[in-house]
Amino acid sequence: MRWRREQAESRAEFDLATPEGRNDLVFYLVGRFIVVLLAVVAVESLVTWAESLLFLPVLRSLARDSPMVDQGETTSVVSLAQWLLGFIRFMPPTSYLQMTELAMRSLAVALAIIMLLFLVLPPWLGALAFSRVVVHKVSALQQRRERELTQMDQQRSQFMTDVAHDLRSPLMAIAGMAHALSDGVVRDEALRDEYLRSICDKADRMGSLVSSVFDYAKLGGGSYALEREVIDLSQLLLREAAAAYADIEDASMRLTVLVSEERCPIDADPMQLARVVTNLLTNAVRHNRAGTEVALMLVRRAGVAHVVVADTGDPIAGDPEDLFRPFSRGDASRSPSGGSGLGLSICRRIAEMHGYDLTLVQPYGRFGKAFVLKCVVVG
């Protein structure tokens, strides 16, 4: 799935905005450096062994003591050729032995240079390979950063467009009804009361939207700090279920609570975590038909507590990750009665700030869908 590929790419390229991402990058580079270093040491050992076995005996035989011949000034090809011809023509026979010794010593020097180059070559290639790894990774991080900045600009623009859209419609309706009441166009008393109720409803909806936008911005701004403490997750869920019972009953739905009273300690901000549970229950009531069963469950597995808010309604079509984006309502239409579209985004942000994971699972057993919040149990 696309969202899984995005997560894999994110892990591969590291998030330098977090200490975890920077540590992962350091471990990656250190790991690659160790691999390159081991390869260099292995190749260097192989070259040393080959030279000691093949070249070193030859070098020792060539470098034995012998008289040297002064070559004089041979700084060009012509002068070198003239010197060599004259040297061979006028050299006494006894000097041929010296010439042979000189050639052998020159060959020894050349062989020593070749051996030195072979010894220097593995570290140079290793440094080149590691530098290519670093350059490639830095380039990938830079490209990812540029993509993130572009995506952030697009999301910011879309966010402002969605906020303006959701505020403009009720604001224009309020303005129209207020002008009608002010100009005396509406004379029927019952219609006036209906206009006033509609104005109040739309004003409340606008206030709720502004509060949601403020909360979303505050939680994502980086300056908000959770007030964490060790709490009993079981008791928190039982309280939230009791608080939501009346609303679920009024919606002609049935609430099933499968939460043991056994203590389940977690380290969390009780107010923000309760907000997540409330939003998930409200979301289940708002987006399902009458007669739907809503379930709140707590499942413990090997040090992890799963808070499950499930319902027997229809599954949600499309990419599940789209639900957690701002102003997403799970369908193509922007229903005016469908809420602000920020509830699940706020829930995901609160979960991430705790280090928890909030996902949509569908189907979930006999339920059509379920939102699952994974919490770490302490103690």
Protein backbone atom coordinates (compact mmCIF):
# COMPACT_ATOMS: atom_id res chain seq x y z
CA MET A 1 0.00 0.00 0.00
CA ARG A 2 1.07 3.57 -0.68
CA TRP A 3 1.19 4.65 2.95
CA ARG A 4 3.38 1.66 3.84
CA ARG A 5 5.80 2.59 1.05
CA GLU A 6 5.92 6.16 2.37
CA GLN A 7 6.73 4.87 5.86
CA ALA A 8 9.49 2.61 4.46
CA GLU A 9 11.00 5.51 2.52
CA SER A 10 10.83 7.68 5.62
CA ARG A 11 12.71 5.10 7.65
CA ALA A 12 15.27 4.63 4.87
CA GLU A 13 15.98 8.35 4.48
CA PHE A 14 15.80 9.29 8.18
CA ASP A 15 14.07 12.25 9.76
CA LEU A 16 16.80 14.67 10.86
CA ALA A 17 14.21 16.78 12.67
CA THR A 18 14.14 14.21 15.49
CA PRO A 19 16.96 12.87 17.70
CA GLU A 20 16.00 9.33 16.66
CA GLY A 21 16.42 10.19 12.99
CA ARG A 22 19.83 11.80 13.59
CA ASN A 23 20.98 8.79 15.61
CA ASP A 24 19.81 6.46 12.84
CA LEU A 25 21.83 8.46 10.31
CA VAL A 26 24.95 8.27 12.51
CA PHE A 27 24.51 4.51 12.92
CA TYR A 28 24.02 4.15 9.17
CA LEU A 29 27.22 6.05 8.32
CA VAL A 30 29.25 4.29 11.03
CA GLY A 31 27.99 0.94 9.78
CA ARG A 32 28.95 1.74 6.20
CA PHE A 33 32.37 3.00 7.38
CA ILE A 34 33.02 -0.25 9.24
CA VAL A 35 32.03 -2.30 6.18
CA VAL A 36 34.34 -0.27 3.92
CA LEU A 37 37.16 -0.46 6.49
CA LEU A 38 36.87 -4.25 6.77
CA ALA A 39 36.88 -4.53 2.98
CA VAL A 40 40.00 -2.33 2.76
CA VAL A 41 41.78 -4.39 5.43
CA ALA A 42 40.88 -7.63 3.65
CA VAL A 43 42.08 -6.40 0.24
CA GLU A 44 45.20 -4.85 1.78
CA SER A 45 46.03 -8.17 3.45
CA LEU A 46 45.54 -10.00 0.15
CA VAL A 47 47.79 -7.53 -1.71
CA THR A 48 50.48 -7.79 0.97
CA TRP A 49 50.40 -11.58 0.79
CA ALA A 50 50.60 -11.56 -3.03
CA GLU A 51 53.50 -9.10 -3.04
CA SER A 52 55.44 -11.02 -0.41
CA LEU A 53 54.95 -14.22 -2.37
CA LEU A 54 55.48 -12.98 -5.94
CA PHE A 55 57.22 -9.59 -6.04
CA LEU A 56 59.39 -9.47 -2.95
CA PRO A 57 61.83 -12.27 -3.96
CA VAL A 58 62.32 -10.63 -7.36
CA LEU A 59 62.84 -7.24 -5.75
CA ARG A 60 65.47 -8.63 -3.40
CA SER A 61 67.38 -10.26 -6.25
CA LEU A 62 67.32 -7.05 -8.29
CA ALA A 63 68.38 -4.80 -5.42
CA ARG A 64 71.62 -6.60 -4.55
CA ASP A 65 74.74 -4.42 -4.21
CA SER A 66 76.35 -3.31 -7.48
CA PRO A 67 78.21 -0.17 -8.78
CA MET A 68 76.01 2.62 -10.13
CA VAL A 69 76.59 4.61 -13.36
CA ASP A 70 76.09 8.37 -13.39
CA GLN A 71 73.56 9.17 -16.16
CA GLY A 72 74.53 12.85 -16.42
CA GLU A 73 72.08 15.37 -17.77
CA THR A 74 69.24 13.56 -19.59
CA THR A 75 66.31 15.96 -19.27
CA SER A 76 64.85 15.32 -22.76
CA VAL A 77 64.19 12.41 -25.10
CA VAL A 78 66.84 13.65 -27.63
CA SER A 79 69.59 14.18 -25.05
CA LEU A 80 68.73 10.86 -23.42
CA ALA A 81 69.01 9.05 -26.77
CA GLN A 82 72.34 10.79 -27.57
CA TRP A 83 73.69 9.97 -24.16
CA LEU A 84 72.63 6.32 -24.46
CA LEU A 85 74.25 5.92 -27.95
CA GLY A 86 77.46 7.55 -26.85
CA PHE A 87 77.49 5.53 -23.66
CA ILE A 88 77.17 2.24 -25.55
CA ARG A 89 79.69 3.21 -28.30
CA PHE A 90 82.55 4.46 -26.13
CA MET A 91 81.97 2.38 -22.99
CA PRO A 92 84.74 -0.14 -22.27
CA PRO A 93 83.71 -3.77 -22.28
CA THR A 94 84.15 -3.98 -18.55
CA SER A 95 81.36 -1.36 -18.15
CA TYR A 96 78.67 -3.62 -19.57
CA LEU A 97 78.52 -5.27 -16.18
CA GLN A 98 77.89 -1.88 -14.57
CA MET A 99 75.15 -1.19 -17.12
CA THR A 100 73.49 -4.47 -16.26
CA GLU A 101 73.63 -3.62 -12.58
CA LEU A 102 72.10 -0.20 -13.28
CA ALA A 103 69.26 -1.75 -15.26
CA MET A 104 68.58 -4.21 -12.49
CA ARG A 105 68.50 -1.44 -9.90
CA SER A 106 66.16 0.64 -12.11
CA LEU A 107 63.89 -2.35 -12.48
CA ALA A 108 63.96 -2.81 -8.72
CA VAL A 109 62.91 0.82 -8.22
CA ALA A 110 60.08 0.44 -10.74
CA LEU A 111 58.92 -2.76 -9.06
CA ALA A 112 59.01 -1.07 -5.64
CA ILE A 113 56.89 1.80 -7.00
CA ILE A 114 54.37 -0.67 -8.42
CA MET A 115 54.18 -2.48 -5.08
CA LEU A 116 53.66 0.84 -3.29
CA LEU A 117 50.84 1.74 -5.68
CA PHE A 118 49.17 -1.60 -5.04
CA LEU A 119 49.36 -0.98 -1.30
CA VAL A 120 47.97 2.55 -1.59
CA LEU A 121 45.17 1.56 -4.00
CA PRO A 122 42.81 -0.25 -1.52
CA PRO A 123 42.62 2.63 1.03
CA TRP A 124 42.11 5.12 -1.81
CA LEU A 125 39.29 3.04 -3.32
CA GLY A 126 37.78 2.56 0.15
CA ALA A 127 37.82 6.30 0.83
CA LEU A 128 36.27 6.92 -2.60
CA ALA A 129 33.53 4.35 -1.96
CA PHE A 130 32.70 5.78 1.48
CA SER A 131 32.65 9.33 0.13
CA ARG A 132 30.19 8.22 -2.58
CA VAL A 133 27.97 6.67 0.10
CA VAL A 134 28.00 9.89 2.13
CA VAL A 135 27.33 12.07 -0.94
CA HIS A 136 24.48 9.80 -2.04
CA LYS A 137 22.88 9.84 1.41
CA VAL A 138 23.24 13.61 1.81
CA SER A 139 21.75 14.11 -1.66
CA ALA A 140 18.83 11.82 -0.78
CA LEU A 141 18.22 13.70 2.47
CA GLN A 142 18.33 17.03 0.66
CA GLN A 143 15.86 15.84 -1.96
CA ARG A 144 13.59 14.50 0.75
CA ARG A 145 13.76 17.80 2.59
CA GLU A 146 12.83 19.66 -0.58
CA ARG A 147 9.88 17.31 -1.12
CA GLU A 148 8.77 17.82 2.48
CA LEU A 149 8.93 21.61 2.12
CA THR A 150 6.91 21.45 -1.10
CA GLN A 151 4.39 19.13 0.54
CA MET A 152 4.18 21.38 3.60
CA ASP A 153 3.45 24.38 1.40
CA GLN A 154 0.73 22.45 -0.41
CA GLN A 155 -0.77 21.20 2.84
CA ARG A 156 -0.68 24.69 4.33
CA SER A 157 -2.45 26.11 1.29
CA GLN A 158 -5.01 23.30 1.34
CA PHE A 159 -5.50 23.75 5.08
CA MET A 160 -6.25 27.45 4.70
CA THR A 161 -8.59 26.72 1.78
CA ASP A 162 -10.50 24.14 3.81
CA VAL A 163 -10.76 26.43 6.84
CA ALA A 164 -12.03 29.26 4.66
CA HIS A 165 -14.52 26.92 3.01
CA ASP A 166 -15.91 25.61 6.29
CA LEU A 167 -16.13 29.10 7.79
CA ARG A 168 -17.53 30.87 4.74
CA SER A 169 -20.66 28.76 4.29
CA PRO A 170 -22.12 29.20 7.81
CA LEU A 171 -20.88 32.80 7.97
CA MET A 172 -22.69 33.73 4.77
CA ALA A 173 -25.83 31.96 6.01
CA ILE A 174 -25.64 33.80 9.34
CA ALA A 175 -25.11 37.12 7.57
CA GLY A 176 -28.06 36.49 5.23
CA MET A 177 -30.47 35.54 8.01
CA ALA A 178 -29.27 38.39 10.24
CA HIS A 179 -29.85 40.95 7.47
CA ALA A 180 -33.29 39.47 6.82
CA LEU A 181 -34.19 39.82 10.50
CA SER A 182 -32.66 43.30 10.72
CA ASP A 183 -34.51 44.57 7.60
CA GLY A 184 -37.84 43.23 8.86
CA VAL A 185 -38.23 40.87 5.92
CA VAL A 186 -39.18 38.00 8.23
CA ARG A 187 -42.44 38.93 9.97
CA ASP A 188 -43.72 35.50 10.95
CA GLU A 189 -42.85 34.85 14.59
CA ALA A 190 -42.30 31.13 14.13
CA LEU A 191 -39.98 31.76 11.15
CA ARG A 192 -38.07 34.37 13.16
CA ASP A 193 -37.49 31.80 15.91
CA GLU A 194 -36.33 29.30 13.32
CA TYR A 195 -33.89 31.84 11.89
CA LEU A 196 -32.53 32.58 15.36
CA ARG A 197 -32.08 28.89 16.15
CA SER A 198 -30.31 28.39 12.83
CA ILE A 199 -28.03 31.36 13.55
CA CYS A 200 -27.17 29.93 16.97
CA ASP A 201 -26.49 26.46 15.54
CA LYS A 202 -24.23 27.79 12.80
CA ALA A 203 -22.41 30.07 15.24
CA ASP A 204 -21.81 27.11 17.56
CA ARG A 205 -20.52 25.09 14.63
CA MET A 206 -18.14 27.89 13.66
CA GLY A 207 -16.93 28.14 17.24
CA SER A 208 -16.34 24.39 17.35
CA LEU A 209 -14.41 24.54 14.08
CA VAL A 210 -12.22 27.42 15.30
CA SER A 211 -11.51 25.51 18.53
CA SER A 212 -10.57 22.39 16.55
CA VAL A 213 -8.25 24.39 14.30
CA PHE A 214 -6.65 26.00 17.34
CA ASP A 215 -6.15 22.62 19.02
CA TYR A 216 -4.73 21.08 15.85
CA ALA A 217 -2.25 23.93 15.43
CA LYS A 218 -1.31 23.87 19.11
CA LEU A 219 -0.64 20.13 19.18
CA GLY A 220 1.44 20.32 16.01
CA GLY A 221 3.39 23.43 16.90
CA GLY A 222 6.04 21.63 18.93
CA SER A 223 5.62 23.88 21.98
CA TYR A 224 2.83 21.89 23.60
CA ALA A 225 4.02 19.51 26.33
CA LEU A 226 2.03 16.57 27.64
CA GLU A 227 1.41 16.34 31.36
CA ARG A 228 2.20 12.66 31.67
CA GLU A 229 1.66 10.50 34.70
CA VAL A 230 1.03 6.84 35.47
CA ILE A 231 -2.72 6.25 35.12
CA ASP A 232 -5.04 3.27 35.10
CA LEU A 233 -6.18 2.86 31.50
CA SER A 234 -9.05 0.56 32.49
CA GLN A 235 -10.66 3.16 34.75
CA LEU A 236 -10.17 5.91 32.16
CA LEU A 237 -11.99 3.85 29.52
CA LEU A 238 -14.83 2.96 31.88
CA ARG A 239 -15.34 6.66 32.70
CA GLU A 240 -15.39 7.66 29.03
CA ALA A 241 -17.85 4.86 28.23
CA ALA A 242 -20.18 6.05 30.98
CA ALA A 243 -19.96 9.63 29.70
CA ALA A 244 -20.74 8.59 26.10
CA TYR A 245 -23.56 6.19 26.97
CA ALA A 246 -26.39 8.75 26.83
CA ASP A 247 -25.31 10.20 23.46
CA ILE A 248 -25.07 6.73 21.94
CA GLU A 249 -28.51 5.83 23.29
CA ASP A 250 -29.98 9.08 21.89
CA ALA A 251 -28.58 8.12 18.47
CA SER A 252 -30.50 4.81 18.68
CA MET A 253 -27.27 2.84 18.86
CA ARG A 254 -26.04 0.21 21.28
CA LEU A 255 -22.83 0.51 23.32
CA THR A 256 -20.86 -2.61 24.22
CA VAL A 257 -18.08 -2.22 26.80
CA LEU A 258 -15.50 -5.00 27.06
CA VAL A 259 -13.05 -3.51 29.56
CA SER A 260 -11.77 -5.47 32.51
CA GLU A 261 -11.50 -3.68 35.85
CA GLU A 262 -8.02 -5.17 36.31
CA ARG A 263 -5.46 -2.40 36.65
CA CYS A 264 -3.67 -1.48 33.40
CA PRO A 265 -0.99 1.16 34.17
CA ILE A 266 0.33 3.37 31.37
CA ASP A 267 2.35 6.58 31.25
CA ALA A 268 0.12 9.17 29.56
CA ASP A 269 -1.59 12.55 29.77
CA PRO A 270 -5.02 11.55 31.13
CA MET A 271 -6.86 14.56 29.68
CA GLN A 272 -5.45 14.20 26.17
CA LEU A 273 -5.83 10.42 26.12
CA ALA A 274 -9.46 10.75 27.27
CA ARG A 275 -9.91 13.21 24.43
CA VAL A 276 -8.76 10.59 21.93
CA VAL A 277 -11.25 8.04 23.25
CA THR A 278 -14.08 10.61 23.27
CA ASN A 279 -13.32 11.67 19.69
CA LEU A 280 -13.28 8.07 18.48
CA LEU A 281 -16.62 7.31 20.15
CA THR A 282 -18.14 10.54 18.81
CA ASN A 283 -16.82 9.72 15.36
CA ALA A 284 -18.48 6.28 15.50
CA VAL A 285 -21.83 7.84 16.47
CA ARG A 286 -21.65 10.62 13.87
CA HIS A 287 -20.76 8.48 10.87
CA ASN A 288 -23.00 5.43 11.34
CA ARG A 289 -26.69 4.73 10.98
CA ALA A 290 -29.16 4.12 13.78
CA GLY A 291 -29.09 0.57 15.09
CA THR A 292 -25.30 0.30 14.82
CA GLU A 293 -23.43 -1.40 17.64
CA VAL A 294 -20.48 0.58 18.99
CA ALA A 295 -17.93 -1.31 21.10
CA LEU A 296 -15.19 -0.05 23.41
CA MET A 297 -12.66 -2.78 24.21
CA LEU A 298 -9.34 -3.14 25.99
CA VAL A 299 -7.07 -5.97 24.84
CA ARG A 300 -3.72 -6.64 26.54
CA ARG A 301 -0.94 -8.46 24.71
CA ALA A 302 2.65 -8.83 25.95
CA GLY A 303 3.16 -5.42 27.51
CA VAL A 304 0.95 -3.58 25.01
CA ALA A 305 -2.62 -2.42 25.64
CA HIS A 306 -4.91 -2.13 22.61
CA VAL A 307 -7.76 0.35 23.00
CA VAL A 308 -10.33 -0.61 20.37
CA VAL A 309 -13.30 1.51 19.29
CA ALA A 310 -15.23 -0.67 16.83
CA ASP A 311 -18.65 -0.56 15.19
CA THR A 312 -20.81 -2.74 12.97
CA GLY A 313 -21.20 -0.01 10.34
CA ASP A 314 -19.98 -0.14 6.77
CA PRO A 315 -16.22 -0.23 6.11
CA ILE A 316 -14.54 2.96 4.92
CA ALA A 317 -13.48 2.99 1.27
CA GLY A 318 -10.14 4.36 0.07
CA ASP A 319 -6.76 4.69 1.73
CA PRO A 320 -7.13 4.43 5.54
CA GLU A 321 -4.34 6.98 6.02
CA ASP A 322 -6.42 9.64 4.27
CA LEU A 323 -8.77 9.66 7.26
CA PHE A 324 -6.03 11.04 9.50
CA ARG A 325 -5.29 14.00 7.24
CA PRO A 326 -6.83 17.39 8.12
CA PHE A 327 -10.39 18.01 6.86
CA SER A 328 -10.76 14.45 5.61
CA ARG A 329 -14.18 12.92 6.18
CA GLY A 330 -13.70 9.55 4.57
CA ASP A 331 -15.59 10.36 1.37
CA ALA A 332 -15.37 12.60 -1.64
CA SER A 333 -18.10 14.97 -0.52
CA ARG A 334 -17.74 17.64 2.14
CA SER A 335 -20.94 17.13 4.05
CA PRO A 336 -21.80 20.20 6.13
CA SER A 337 -23.04 17.99 8.95
CA GLY A 338 -20.03 15.71 8.95
CA GLY A 339 -17.94 17.55 11.53
CA SER A 340 -14.80 19.60 11.08
CA GLY A 341 -12.70 16.78 9.63
CA LEU A 342 -10.00 17.44 12.24
CA GLY A 343 -11.05 14.94 14.92
CA LEU A 344 -9.02 11.99 13.68
CA SER A 345 -6.05 14.23 12.81
CA ILE A 346 -6.03 15.49 16.40
CA CYS A 347 -6.29 11.91 17.69
CA ARG A 348 -3.33 10.82 15.56
CA ARG A 349 -1.21 13.76 16.75
CA ILE A 350 -1.98 13.07 20.40
CA ALA A 351 -1.13 9.38 19.88
CA GLU A 352 2.18 10.24 18.19
CA MET A 353 3.10 12.69 20.96
CA HIS A 354 2.67 9.80 23.43
CA GLY A 355 4.70 7.47 21.22
CA TYR A 356 1.58 5.38 20.57
CA ASP A 357 0.15 4.10 17.29
CA LEU A 358 -3.39 4.77 16.05
CA THR A 359 -4.58 2.78 13.04
CA LEU A 360 -7.78 1.77 11.28
CA VAL A 361 -8.43 -1.96 11.02
CA GLN A 362 -11.25 -3.25 8.85
CA PRO A 363 -12.84 -5.63 9.28
CA TYR A 364 -12.17 -6.31 12.95
CA GLY A 365 -13.68 -9.64 13.94
CA ARG A 366 -17.44 -9.35 13.64
CA PHE A 367 -17.21 -5.56 13.37
CA GLY A 368 -17.04 -3.69 10.09
CA LYS A 369 -14.17 -1.47 11.23
CA ALA A 370 -12.21 -0.48 14.32
CA PHE A 371 -9.81 2.23 15.38
CA VAL A 372 -7.01 0.63 17.41
CA LEU A 373 -4.78 2.65 19.75
CA LYS A 374 -1.67 0.76 20.90
CA CYS A 375 -0.40 1.89 24.32
CA VAL A 376 2.69 0.72 26.19
CA VAL A 377 1.96 -0.82 29.60
CA VAL A 378 4.35 0.15 32.39
CA GLY A 379 5.17 -1.76 35.53
